[in-house]
Amino acid sequence: MELKKFFSKGENLFTMGCLLILAVYVGWLMYRDVCRMQEATTQYDYYQNLIYLIENIARTYFSCIFLLMVFLTYINKQYSKWCIRVYYLFGVSALLFFGWASIFSKNVFNHIEPQFVENFPRMVHTLYVGPLYWMIIGYFFTPKILKDARKLKEEQDLTI
């Protein structure tokens, strides 16, 4: 019943279509990175495409977390503690990603060929900066989202 009401509006169908197109595009990017990893002839090519794959996965992950927070607050229009839990998940995920990226970059440095070491800073830059855009957007807009979630809670408490 609830799902039927959700899809009855034309704008929700348009939004779902756009999200589906975006998901197919991101899936194609990841598939392309995996194919390039399989075709790699050097360790540098392999790790470069692996970093591109990790960048795409991390960008998708952090954008999905942000969109989930937006969905819970603005589209669902119902206060729940999940919005706050998702915010904490966002923060913990960012810390874990940067910690893991540090360990992974040391591993990549130990495995690439000596003639490609001069390209290593560019590889690490791609690894660290790829999901940073969505992390910054998430942290920039999260206080407003949490404030609006608190307003929703106060409105719901007043109506009950």
C-alpha atoms as a PDB file:
ATOM      1  CA  MET A   1       0.000   0.000   0.000  1.00  0.00           C
ATOM      2  CA  GLU A   2       2.734   2.419   0.992  1.00  0.00           C
ATOM      3  CA  LEU A   3       4.796   1.532  -2.077  1.00  0.00           C
ATOM      4  CA  LYS A   4       1.811   2.122  -4.362  1.00  0.00           C
ATOM      5  CA  LYS A   5       1.322   5.591  -2.862  1.00  0.00           C
ATOM      6  CA  PHE A   6       5.041   6.312  -3.321  1.00  0.00           C
ATOM      7  CA  PHE A   7       4.999   5.485  -7.044  1.00  0.00           C
ATOM      8  CA  SER A   8       1.669   7.158  -7.743  1.00  0.00           C
ATOM      9  CA  LYS A   9       3.252  10.589  -8.027  1.00  0.00           C
ATOM     10  CA  GLY A  10       4.923  11.461 -11.319  1.00  0.00           C
ATOM     11  CA  GLU A  11       7.887  13.246  -9.752  1.00  0.00           C
ATOM     12  CA  ASN A  12       8.793  10.197  -7.689  1.00  0.00           C
ATOM     13  CA  LEU A  13       8.765   8.085 -10.822  1.00  0.00           C
ATOM     14  CA  PHE A  14      11.005  10.623 -12.566  1.00  0.00           C
ATOM     15  CA  THR A  15      13.369  10.631  -9.569  1.00  0.00           C
ATOM     16  CA  MET A  16      13.483   6.848  -9.518  1.00  0.00           C
ATOM     17  CA  GLY A  17      14.231   6.838 -13.252  1.00  0.00           C
ATOM     18  CA  CYS A  18      17.092   9.287 -12.807  1.00  0.00           C
ATOM     19  CA  LEU A  19      18.486   7.257  -9.909  1.00  0.00           C
ATOM     20  CA  LEU A  20      18.234   4.090 -11.988  1.00  0.00           C
ATOM     21  CA  ILE A  21      20.123   5.729 -14.869  1.00  0.00           C
ATOM     22  CA  LEU A  22      22.757   6.948 -12.403  1.00  0.00           C
ATOM     23  CA  ALA A  23      23.074   3.450 -10.908  1.00  0.00           C
ATOM     24  CA  VAL A  24      23.541   1.894 -14.351  1.00  0.00           C
ATOM     25  CA  TYR A  25      26.208   4.477 -15.196  1.00  0.00           C
ATOM     26  CA  VAL A  26      28.109   3.878 -11.947  1.00  0.00           C
ATOM     27  CA  GLY A  27      27.841   0.123 -12.486  1.00  0.00           C
ATOM     28  CA  TRP A  28      29.269   0.549 -15.979  1.00  0.00           C
ATOM     29  CA  LEU A  29      32.178   2.611 -14.589  1.00  0.00           C
ATOM     30  CA  MET A  30      32.963  -0.114 -12.074  1.00  0.00           C
ATOM     31  CA  TYR A  31      32.698  -2.827 -14.728  1.00  0.00           C
ATOM     32  CA  ARG A  32      35.067  -0.839 -16.963  1.00  0.00           C
ATOM     33  CA  ASP A  33      37.600  -0.547 -14.125  1.00  0.00           C
ATOM     34  CA  VAL A  34      37.465  -4.293 -13.477  1.00  0.00           C
ATOM     35  CA  CYS A  35      37.970  -5.036 -17.182  1.00  0.00           C
ATOM     36  CA  ARG A  36      40.956  -2.702 -17.290  1.00  0.00           C
ATOM     37  CA  MET A  37      42.401  -4.418 -14.211  1.00  0.00           C
ATOM     38  CA  GLN A  38      42.148  -7.766 -15.970  1.00  0.00           C
ATOM     39  CA  GLU A  39      43.849  -6.360 -19.097  1.00  0.00           C
ATOM     40  CA  ALA A  40      46.693  -4.704 -17.170  1.00  0.00           C
ATOM     41  CA  THR A  41      50.193  -5.609 -18.305  1.00  0.00           C
ATOM     42  CA  THR A  42      52.111  -4.010 -15.423  1.00  0.00           C
ATOM     43  CA  GLN A  43      51.574  -3.773 -11.704  1.00  0.00           C
ATOM     44  CA  TYR A  44      51.232  -0.007 -12.114  1.00  0.00           C
ATOM     45  CA  ASP A  45      48.341  -0.383 -14.586  1.00  0.00           C
ATOM     46  CA  TYR A  46      46.668  -2.919 -12.323  1.00  0.00           C
ATOM     47  CA  TYR A  47      46.893  -0.755  -9.214  1.00  0.00           C
ATOM     48  CA  GLN A  48      45.925   2.410 -11.098  1.00  0.00           C
ATOM     49  CA  ASN A  49      42.681   0.775 -12.252  1.00  0.00           C
ATOM     50  CA  LEU A  50      42.140  -0.752  -8.813  1.00  0.00           C
ATOM     51  CA  ILE A  51      42.373   2.740  -7.319  1.00  0.00           C
ATOM     52  CA  TYR A  52      39.852   3.988  -9.888  1.00  0.00           C
ATOM     53  CA  LEU A  53      37.540   1.136  -8.861  1.00  0.00           C
ATOM     54  CA  ILE A  54      37.963   1.964  -5.176  1.00  0.00           C
ATOM     55  CA  GLU A  55      37.305   5.631  -5.937  1.00  0.00           C
ATOM     56  CA  ASN A  56      34.047   4.774  -7.736  1.00  0.00           C
ATOM     57  CA  ILE A  57      32.918   2.461  -4.937  1.00  0.00           C
ATOM     58  CA  ALA A  58      33.746   5.027  -2.239  1.00  0.00           C
ATOM     59  CA  ARG A  59      31.999   7.854  -4.110  1.00  0.00           C
ATOM     60  CA  THR A  60      28.932   5.684  -4.561  1.00  0.00           C
ATOM     61  CA  TYR A  61      28.961   4.609  -0.906  1.00  0.00           C
ATOM     62  CA  PHE A  62      29.252   8.127   0.511  1.00  0.00           C
ATOM     63  CA  SER A  63      26.709   9.580  -1.900  1.00  0.00           C
ATOM     64  CA  CYS A  64      24.252   6.814  -0.986  1.00  0.00           C
ATOM     65  CA  ILE A  65      24.701   7.540   2.717  1.00  0.00           C
ATOM     66  CA  PHE A  66      24.061  11.237   2.103  1.00  0.00           C
ATOM     67  CA  LEU A  67      21.008  10.507  -0.062  1.00  0.00           C
ATOM     68  CA  LEU A  68      19.699   8.148   2.633  1.00  0.00           C
ATOM     69  CA  MET A  69      19.905  10.975   5.165  1.00  0.00           C
ATOM     70  CA  VAL A  70      18.057  13.266   2.751  1.00  0.00           C
ATOM     71  CA  PHE A  71      15.438  10.576   2.110  1.00  0.00           C
ATOM     72  CA  LEU A  72      14.828   9.958   5.807  1.00  0.00           C
ATOM     73  CA  THR A  73      14.411  13.642   6.594  1.00  0.00           C
ATOM     74  CA  TYR A  74      12.858  15.319   3.565  1.00  0.00           C
ATOM     75  CA  ILE A  75      11.116  12.655   1.508  1.00  0.00           C
ATOM     76  CA  ASN A  76       9.930  10.367   4.299  1.00  0.00           C
ATOM     77  CA  LYS A  77       9.093  13.455   6.416  1.00  0.00           C
ATOM     78  CA  GLN A  78       9.141  11.428   9.552  1.00  0.00           C
ATOM     79  CA  TYR A  79      11.603  11.820  12.366  1.00  0.00           C
ATOM     80  CA  SER A  80      13.520   8.753  13.317  1.00  0.00           C
ATOM     81  CA  LYS A  81      16.765   8.113  15.107  1.00  0.00           C
ATOM     82  CA  TRP A  82      18.030   6.491  11.918  1.00  0.00           C
ATOM     83  CA  CYS A  83      19.001   9.889  10.513  1.00  0.00           C
ATOM     84  CA  ILE A  84      21.349  10.432  13.444  1.00  0.00           C
ATOM     85  CA  ARG A  85      22.652   6.865  13.217  1.00  0.00           C
ATOM     86  CA  VAL A  86      23.338   7.326   9.515  1.00  0.00           C
ATOM     87  CA  TYR A  87      25.262  10.506  10.357  1.00  0.00           C
ATOM     88  CA  TYR A  88      27.467   8.546  12.761  1.00  0.00           C
ATOM     89  CA  LEU A  89      27.863   5.822  10.138  1.00  0.00           C
ATOM     90  CA  PHE A  90      29.005   8.541   7.729  1.00  0.00           C
ATOM     91  CA  GLY A  91      31.661   9.776  10.154  1.00  0.00           C
ATOM     92  CA  VAL A  92      32.941   6.335  11.099  1.00  0.00           C
ATOM     93  CA  SER A  93      33.039   5.326   7.432  1.00  0.00           C
ATOM     94  CA  ALA A  94      35.098   8.397   6.541  1.00  0.00           C
ATOM     95  CA  LEU A  95      37.613   7.651   9.291  1.00  0.00           C
ATOM     96  CA  LEU A  96      37.835   4.004   8.286  1.00  0.00           C
ATOM     97  CA  PHE A  97      38.245   4.901   4.618  1.00  0.00           C
ATOM     98  CA  PHE A  98      41.155   7.264   5.224  1.00  0.00           C
ATOM     99  CA  GLY A  99      42.811   4.804   7.613  1.00  0.00           C
ATOM    100  CA  TRP A 100      42.436   2.001   5.101  1.00  0.00           C
ATOM    101  CA  ALA A 101      43.640   4.258   2.247  1.00  0.00           C
ATOM    102  CA  SER A 102      46.845   4.946   4.174  1.00  0.00           C
ATOM    103  CA  ILE A 103      47.562   1.242   4.597  1.00  0.00           C
ATOM    104  CA  PHE A 104      46.589   0.501   0.990  1.00  0.00           C
ATOM    105  CA  SER A 105      48.821   3.261  -0.430  1.00  0.00           C
ATOM    106  CA  LYS A 106      51.835   1.791   1.406  1.00  0.00           C
ATOM    107  CA  ASN A 107      51.025  -1.589  -0.100  1.00  0.00           C
ATOM    108  CA  VAL A 108      50.738  -0.080  -3.594  1.00  0.00           C
ATOM    109  CA  PHE A 109      54.086   1.680  -3.195  1.00  0.00           C
ATOM    110  CA  ASN A 110      55.742  -1.629  -2.336  1.00  0.00           C
ATOM    111  CA  HIS A 111      54.299  -3.391  -5.393  1.00  0.00           C
ATOM    112  CA  ILE A 112      54.604  -0.972  -8.317  1.00  0.00           C
ATOM    113  CA  GLU A 113      57.603  -1.096 -10.609  1.00  0.00           C
ATOM    114  CA  PRO A 114      60.483   1.339  -9.926  1.00  0.00           C
ATOM    115  CA  GLN A 115      60.053   3.144 -13.256  1.00  0.00           C
ATOM    116  CA  PHE A 116      56.502   4.158 -12.246  1.00  0.00           C
ATOM    117  CA  VAL A 117      57.317   5.477  -8.763  1.00  0.00           C
ATOM    118  CA  GLU A 118      57.173   9.083 -10.017  1.00  0.00           C
ATOM    119  CA  ASN A 119      53.454   8.530 -10.768  1.00  0.00           C
ATOM    120  CA  PHE A 120      52.744   7.287  -7.247  1.00  0.00           C
ATOM    121  CA  PRO A 121      51.709  10.711  -5.806  1.00  0.00           C
ATOM    122  CA  ARG A 122      49.050  11.040  -8.512  1.00  0.00           C
ATOM    123  CA  MET A 123      47.721   7.583  -7.654  1.00  0.00           C
ATOM    124  CA  VAL A 124      47.512   8.409  -3.951  1.00  0.00           C
ATOM    125  CA  HIS A 125      45.898  11.767  -4.734  1.00  0.00           C
ATOM    126  CA  THR A 126      43.188   9.957  -6.724  1.00  0.00           C
ATOM    127  CA  LEU A 127      42.651   7.511  -3.867  1.00  0.00           C
ATOM    128  CA  TYR A 128      42.243  10.202  -1.216  1.00  0.00           C
ATOM    129  CA  VAL A 129      40.419  12.901  -3.167  1.00  0.00           C
ATOM    130  CA  GLY A 130      37.910  10.745  -5.094  1.00  0.00           C
ATOM    131  CA  PRO A 131      35.242  10.428  -2.370  1.00  0.00           C
ATOM    132  CA  LEU A 132      36.218  13.679  -0.642  1.00  0.00           C
ATOM    133  CA  TYR A 133      33.676  15.712  -2.632  1.00  0.00           C
ATOM    134  CA  TRP A 134      30.741  13.682  -1.292  1.00  0.00           C
ATOM    135  CA  MET A 135      32.209  13.669   2.195  1.00  0.00           C
ATOM    136  CA  ILE A 136      32.426  17.470   2.194  1.00  0.00           C
ATOM    137  CA  ILE A 137      28.888  17.820   0.844  1.00  0.00           C
ATOM    138  CA  GLY A 138      27.677  15.377   3.463  1.00  0.00           C
ATOM    139  CA  TYR A 139      29.337  17.193   6.331  1.00  0.00           C
ATOM    140  CA  PHE A 140      28.361  20.610   5.001  1.00  0.00           C
ATOM    141  CA  PHE A 141      24.642  19.838   4.747  1.00  0.00           C
ATOM    142  CA  THR A 142      24.326  17.392   7.649  1.00  0.00           C
ATOM    143  CA  PRO A 143      23.760  20.057  10.354  1.00  0.00           C
ATOM    144  CA  LYS A 144      20.820  21.438   8.340  1.00  0.00           C
ATOM    145  CA  ILE A 145      19.432  17.945   7.831  1.00  0.00           C
ATOM    146  CA  LEU A 146      19.703  17.166  11.554  1.00  0.00           C
ATOM    147  CA  LYS A 147      18.116  20.538  12.436  1.00  0.00           C
ATOM    148  CA  ASP A 148      15.220  19.820  10.085  1.00  0.00           C
ATOM    149  CA  ALA A 149      14.898  16.324  11.554  1.00  0.00           C
ATOM    150  CA  ARG A 150      14.658  17.854  15.020  1.00  0.00           C
ATOM    151  CA  LYS A 151      11.938  20.251  13.748  1.00  0.00           C
ATOM    152  CA  LEU A 152      10.053  17.269  12.348  1.00  0.00           C
ATOM    153  CA  LYS A 153      10.256  15.563  15.732  1.00  0.00           C
ATOM    154  CA  GLU A 154       8.921  18.660  17.488  1.00  0.00           C
ATOM    155  CA  GLU A 155       6.060  18.937  14.965  1.00  0.00           C
ATOM    156  CA  GLN A 156       5.197  15.282  15.393  1.00  0.00           C
ATOM    157  CA  ASP A 157       5.269  15.633  19.177  1.00  0.00           C
ATOM    158  CA  LEU A 158       2.905  18.615  18.957  1.00  0.00           C
ATOM    159  CA  THR A 159       0.436  16.811  16.695  1.00  0.00           C
ATOM    160  CA  ILE A 160       0.211  13.831  19.034  1.00  0.00           C
END
